[in-house]
Protein backbone atom coordinates (compact mmCIF):
# COMPACT_ATOMS: atom_id res chain seq x y z
CA MET A 1 0.00 0.00 0.00
CA LYS A 2 1.50 3.31 -1.09
CA THR A 3 1.05 6.40 1.01
CA ILE A 4 1.26 9.87 -0.43
CA PRO A 5 3.19 12.35 1.71
CA PHE A 6 1.15 15.36 2.77
CA ALA A 7 3.58 17.76 1.09
CA LEU A 8 2.61 16.43 -2.34
CA TRP A 9 -1.04 17.39 -1.92
CA THR A 10 -1.94 21.00 -2.51
CA PRO A 11 -5.50 22.28 -2.47
CA GLY A 12 -6.97 23.38 -5.76
CA LEU A 13 -9.52 26.10 -6.41
CA PRO A 14 -12.60 24.04 -5.42
CA GLU A 15 -10.98 23.02 -2.13
CA LEU A 16 -9.97 26.61 -1.34
CA ILE A 17 -13.51 27.82 -2.03
CA VAL A 18 -14.94 25.21 0.35
CA ILE A 19 -12.38 26.12 3.03
CA LEU A 20 -13.16 29.85 2.69
CA PHE A 21 -16.90 29.13 2.85
CA ILE A 22 -16.46 27.13 6.07
CA ILE A 23 -14.35 29.91 7.60
CA LEU A 24 -17.02 32.44 6.63
CA LEU A 25 -19.70 30.30 8.28
CA LEU A 26 -17.65 29.87 11.46
CA PHE A 27 -16.60 33.47 12.00
CA GLY A 28 -19.28 35.44 10.15
CA ALA A 29 -18.80 38.31 7.72
CA ARG A 30 -18.42 40.93 10.45
CA ARG A 31 -15.75 39.17 12.51
CA LEU A 32 -13.74 37.84 9.55
CA PRO A 33 -11.60 40.99 8.94
CA GLU A 34 -10.76 41.24 12.65
CA THR A 35 -9.87 37.55 12.79
CA MET A 36 -7.64 37.75 9.71
CA ARG A 37 -5.94 40.88 11.09
CA SER A 38 -5.17 39.04 14.32
CA LEU A 39 -3.87 36.07 12.36
CA GLY A 40 -1.60 38.37 10.33
CA LYS A 41 -0.22 39.96 13.50
CA GLY A 42 0.47 36.52 14.92
CA VAL A 43 2.35 35.45 11.80
CA LYS A 44 4.35 38.69 11.88
CA GLU A 45 5.32 38.13 15.52
CA PHE A 46 6.26 34.52 14.78
CA LYS A 47 8.53 35.58 11.90
CA LYS A 48 10.09 38.28 14.08
CA GLY A 49 10.77 35.71 16.79
CA MET A 50 12.35 33.31 14.30
CA ARG A 51 14.52 36.11 12.91
CA ASP A 52 15.60 37.10 16.44
CA ALA A 53 16.40 33.49 17.32
CA GLU A 54 18.61 33.14 14.24
CA GLY A 55 20.40 36.43 14.94
CA GLY A 56 21.16 35.67 18.57
CA GLY A 57 18.02 37.26 19.97
CA GLU A 58 19.76 40.39 21.24
CA ASP A 59 18.25 43.84 20.85
CA GLY A 60 21.53 45.18 19.52
CA ALA A 61 21.72 42.62 16.74
CA ASP A 62 20.94 45.28 14.14
CA GLU A 63 23.95 47.39 15.08
CA LYS A 64 26.99 47.26 12.83
CA ARG A 65 29.82 45.11 14.04
CA PRO A 66 33.45 45.88 13.30
CA PRO A 67 34.84 43.84 10.41
CA ALA A 68 36.81 40.75 11.35
CA SER A 69 40.36 40.88 10.08
């Protein structure tokens, strides 16, 4: 029995329409923009945290360092 890895499956247009319809039913038309805005802020914070973790996580990571010679 062959199994297909999840990464090989991508949703097409009909699947995306069904998913969006379900989200609209769950959250309603009025709360949807607020929910998506919160989701966007969460993704932004996650990316910022990942970037900070890769750079050492220090606040002064953006400062220029003297060149190594």
